Structures are given as structure tokens and as C-alpha cells.
Amino acid sequence: MTKIPDATPGIIAKYAFNDEQAVLARIRYNRLIDIFLGIACYSLQNHLRTTVPGMGQVETDEIYVGVDRSGSHYVVPVQAKGEKDTLSRVQIEQDLGLCAARLPSLICRPVGAQPIQDNLIVLFEFEHTGGDVSVVSEKHYQLVPPDGVTDEDLAAYRRRLSDVIK
């Protein structure tokens, strides 16, 4: 789990409902897609409903576009669920189809998001391999007050990074 200083505006946190749109708002305000994928991402559209050839009507909770340090462009469809809902493989397949049909020159990196308790959000990245959808990575983010990230946490994150670089 990684602690992230919560940048959600207080008025949003106060009045947010406990649904997928509230999860998406917290993800957006805290730039969790950027952090999770390691690319600069920008929200392109929320609640996109469109038609994909061969699939019919599809709906995606939010679409981001992004760019990495080498200049490659990405499309990131995000499916969000509430605490008691379940991410659907079919929705991820539809997101992949949407990306292929509407933004074929961009690299598609579908993401699923789900809160598992107060201020703890899990993000999943998916890929399509061998005719199936599988999870590429999973990361848990705990949104905390600014002083909730301790020196010990920072030292642990530095160790984690040095282990990855080796």
C-alpha cells in the first residue's frame, strides 16, 4: 500500500456520494492514474457512451489521454465501481474495443478502480493476451492527510524504488 496526501477539495469530500463517480473524482483530484501508470494523464471525457463496430453500444466511466517521457501517446479507459460492486471482464473487453475503434494510434492501457474501505482505492491495469483479459498490475493507494506520510513511509518507498532499479 502506498500513502498519498489527499488532494481532494474539502467541499467535494464533504458532499461526495459513495458511488463510482465519487471514486472517479478522488482519483482525478489525486492524480492516481498518473501515479499508477507513470505517465502524465488528462481526463478527456466522463461517462462516454458510444457504439463500437462488432460490439454495439459500450459505456466507459472515464477516458484519459496521456503522454510519457518519450512522447508516446496513450488512451486510458477507466471502469470504476463502488465498494460492493464487481469489476467486469466484459467491460474491460469493451474498453479495449473502444480504444481500437476510436483511438487506434494510441497505446491502450485499461484501468479498473475500486475502493475497498474509506480512503483506500485499488487500481488494476489490464491487458488482452491470448484471447483473454488479465491483470498486469495492482496497486493500493491510501489517501491520507499531508502529515499522514511519515519519514518511515518515505524511507520504505525509497527502498522499494531502489529494489525496482536493481
Protein backbone atom coordinates (compact mmCIF):
# COMPACT_ATOMS: atom_id res chain seq x y z
CA MET A 1 0.00 0.00 0.00
CA THR A 2 1.19 3.49 -0.83
CA LYS A 3 0.09 6.53 1.12
CA ILE A 4 -0.81 9.56 -1.00
CA PRO A 5 -1.51 13.01 0.52
CA ASP A 6 -5.24 13.52 -0.14
CA ALA A 7 -5.71 16.47 -2.50
CA THR A 8 -9.49 16.08 -2.75
CA PRO A 9 -11.06 19.52 -2.13
CA GLY A 10 -12.81 19.52 1.25
CA ILE A 11 -16.16 20.52 -0.19
CA ILE A 12 -16.02 17.57 -2.62
CA ALA A 13 -15.10 15.14 0.17
CA LYS A 14 -17.92 16.51 2.34
CA TYR A 15 -20.68 16.05 -0.23
CA ALA A 16 -19.45 13.09 -2.31
CA PHE A 17 -21.74 10.11 -2.63
CA ASN A 18 -20.49 6.56 -2.17
CA ASP A 19 -20.56 5.54 -5.83
CA GLU A 20 -18.35 5.17 -8.87
CA GLN A 21 -18.49 8.88 -9.71
CA ALA A 22 -17.16 9.74 -6.24
CA VAL A 23 -14.31 7.26 -6.73
CA LEU A 24 -13.51 8.81 -10.11
CA ALA A 25 -13.45 12.31 -8.58
CA ARG A 26 -10.99 11.23 -5.89
CA ILE A 27 -8.83 9.50 -8.49
CA ARG A 28 -8.83 12.64 -10.64
CA TYR A 29 -8.08 15.12 -7.83
CA ASN A 30 -5.25 12.95 -6.52
CA ARG A 31 -3.79 12.16 -9.97
CA LEU A 32 -3.83 8.45 -9.16
CA ILE A 33 -3.92 7.40 -12.83
CA ASP A 34 -0.70 9.37 -13.47
CA ILE A 35 0.95 7.89 -10.39
CA PHE A 36 -0.22 4.35 -11.12
CA LEU A 37 0.78 4.26 -14.79
CA GLY A 38 3.81 6.57 -14.59
CA ILE A 39 2.60 8.84 -17.39
CA ALA A 40 1.07 12.33 -17.48
CA CYS A 41 -2.69 11.82 -17.93
CA TYR A 42 -5.56 14.17 -18.64
CA SER A 43 -9.26 13.47 -18.32
CA LEU A 44 -10.76 13.56 -21.81
CA GLN A 45 -14.36 12.60 -21.10
CA ASN A 46 -16.54 11.17 -18.37
CA HIS A 47 -19.32 8.65 -18.83
CA LEU A 48 -18.67 8.02 -22.53
CA ARG A 49 -21.40 6.08 -24.29
CA THR A 50 -20.76 5.19 -27.91
CA THR A 51 -21.07 2.43 -30.48
CA VAL A 52 -18.19 0.13 -31.38
CA PRO A 53 -18.35 -1.92 -34.59
CA GLY A 54 -18.90 -5.59 -33.80
CA MET A 55 -19.79 -4.84 -30.17
CA GLY A 56 -22.67 -2.41 -30.29
CA GLN A 57 -23.16 0.17 -27.57
CA VAL A 58 -20.44 0.44 -24.93
CA GLU A 59 -20.06 2.67 -21.91
CA THR A 60 -16.86 3.72 -20.17
CA ASP A 61 -16.80 5.59 -16.86
CA GLU A 62 -13.91 7.88 -17.81
CA ILE A 63 -11.35 8.22 -20.59
CA TYR A 64 -7.92 9.72 -20.05
CA VAL A 65 -5.28 10.52 -22.64
CA GLY A 66 -1.66 10.60 -21.66
CA VAL A 67 1.91 11.06 -22.77
CA ASP A 68 5.14 9.56 -21.49
CA ARG A 69 8.66 10.98 -21.41
CA SER A 70 9.45 9.56 -24.85
CA GLY A 71 6.40 11.25 -26.41
CA SER A 72 4.26 8.13 -26.83
CA HIS A 73 0.53 8.78 -26.50
CA TYR A 74 -1.89 6.65 -24.50
CA VAL A 75 -5.60 6.21 -24.06
CA VAL A 76 -6.69 5.04 -20.62
CA PRO A 77 -10.29 3.89 -20.25
CA VAL A 78 -11.25 3.63 -16.59
CA GLN A 79 -14.00 1.45 -15.15
CA ALA A 80 -14.84 2.37 -11.56
CA LYS A 81 -17.00 0.51 -9.10
CA GLY A 82 -18.39 1.21 -5.66
CA GLU A 83 -17.24 -0.81 -2.66
CA LYS A 84 -19.89 -3.51 -3.11
CA ASP A 85 -19.77 -3.79 -6.92
CA THR A 86 -17.53 -6.02 -9.03
CA LEU A 87 -15.34 -5.10 -11.98
CA SER A 88 -16.48 -6.92 -15.12
CA ARG A 89 -14.22 -8.61 -17.65
CA VAL A 90 -16.79 -7.76 -20.34
CA GLN A 91 -16.45 -4.04 -19.58
CA ILE A 92 -12.68 -4.24 -19.93
CA GLU A 93 -13.05 -6.07 -23.26
CA GLN A 94 -15.43 -3.31 -24.40
CA ASP A 95 -12.89 -0.67 -23.33
CA LEU A 96 -10.22 -2.42 -25.41
CA GLY A 97 -12.63 -2.49 -28.38
CA LEU A 98 -13.45 1.19 -27.90
CA CYS A 99 -9.76 2.12 -27.91
CA ALA A 100 -9.07 0.05 -31.02
CA ALA A 101 -12.03 1.57 -32.88
CA ARG A 102 -11.86 5.21 -31.79
CA LEU A 103 -8.19 5.89 -30.96
CA PRO A 104 -6.24 3.16 -32.76
CA SER A 105 -2.95 5.09 -32.92
CA LEU A 106 -2.76 5.41 -29.13
CA ILE A 107 -1.48 2.77 -26.73
CA CYS A 108 -4.46 1.42 -24.77
CA ARG A 109 -3.97 0.82 -21.03
CA PRO A 110 -7.34 -0.08 -19.47
CA VAL A 111 -7.69 0.51 -15.73
CA GLY A 112 -10.19 -0.68 -13.14
CA ALA A 113 -10.72 1.20 -9.89
CA GLN A 114 -12.42 0.18 -6.69
CA PRO A 115 -12.48 1.49 -3.13
CA ILE A 116 -12.08 -1.28 -0.57
CA GLN A 117 -12.57 0.90 2.50
CA ASP A 118 -12.55 4.58 3.48
CA ASN A 119 -9.79 6.38 1.58
CA LEU A 120 -8.26 3.15 0.24
CA ILE A 121 -8.52 2.75 -3.53
CA VAL A 122 -7.26 -0.20 -5.55
CA LEU A 123 -6.24 0.29 -9.18
CA PHE A 124 -5.81 -2.56 -11.66
CA GLU A 125 -4.21 -2.36 -15.09
CA PHE A 126 -5.44 -4.91 -17.62
CA GLU A 127 -4.15 -6.30 -20.90
CA HIS A 128 -5.55 -8.51 -23.60
CA THR A 129 -3.37 -11.56 -24.20
CA GLY A 130 -4.15 -14.83 -25.89
CA GLY A 131 -7.84 -14.07 -26.24
CA ASP A 132 -8.28 -13.28 -22.55
CA VAL A 133 -8.13 -10.26 -20.28
CA SER A 134 -5.67 -10.42 -17.42
CA VAL A 135 -4.42 -8.13 -14.67
CA VAL A 136 -0.99 -6.67 -15.42
CA SER A 137 -0.61 -4.80 -12.15
CA GLU A 138 -2.50 -3.97 -8.98
CA LYS A 139 -1.71 -1.17 -6.56
CA HIS A 140 -3.40 0.03 -3.36
CA TYR A 141 -3.43 3.76 -2.57
CA GLN A 142 -4.35 5.10 0.87
CA LEU A 143 -5.42 8.76 0.76
CA VAL A 144 -4.15 10.41 3.94
CA PRO A 145 -3.80 13.93 5.38
CA PRO A 146 -0.50 15.60 4.39
CA ASP A 147 1.13 14.69 7.69
CA GLY A 148 -0.02 11.07 7.27
CA VAL A 149 3.03 10.26 5.14
CA THR A 150 5.79 9.70 7.68
CA ASP A 151 9.57 9.75 7.30
CA GLU A 152 9.43 5.97 7.75
CA ASP A 153 6.97 5.70 4.86
CA LEU A 154 9.25 7.79 2.64
CA ALA A 155 12.26 5.64 3.54
CA ALA A 156 10.26 2.50 2.71
CA TYR A 157 9.23 3.97 -0.66
CA ARG A 158 12.90 4.81 -1.42
CA ARG A 159 13.88 1.22 -0.62
CA ARG A 160 11.07 -0.05 -2.85
CA LEU A 161 12.34 2.12 -5.71
CA SER A 162 15.95 1.03 -5.27
CA ASP A 163 14.80 -2.63 -5.34
CA VAL A 164 13.00 -2.00 -8.63
CA ILE A 165 16.00 -0.25 -10.19
CA LYS A 166 18.44 -3.08 -9.32
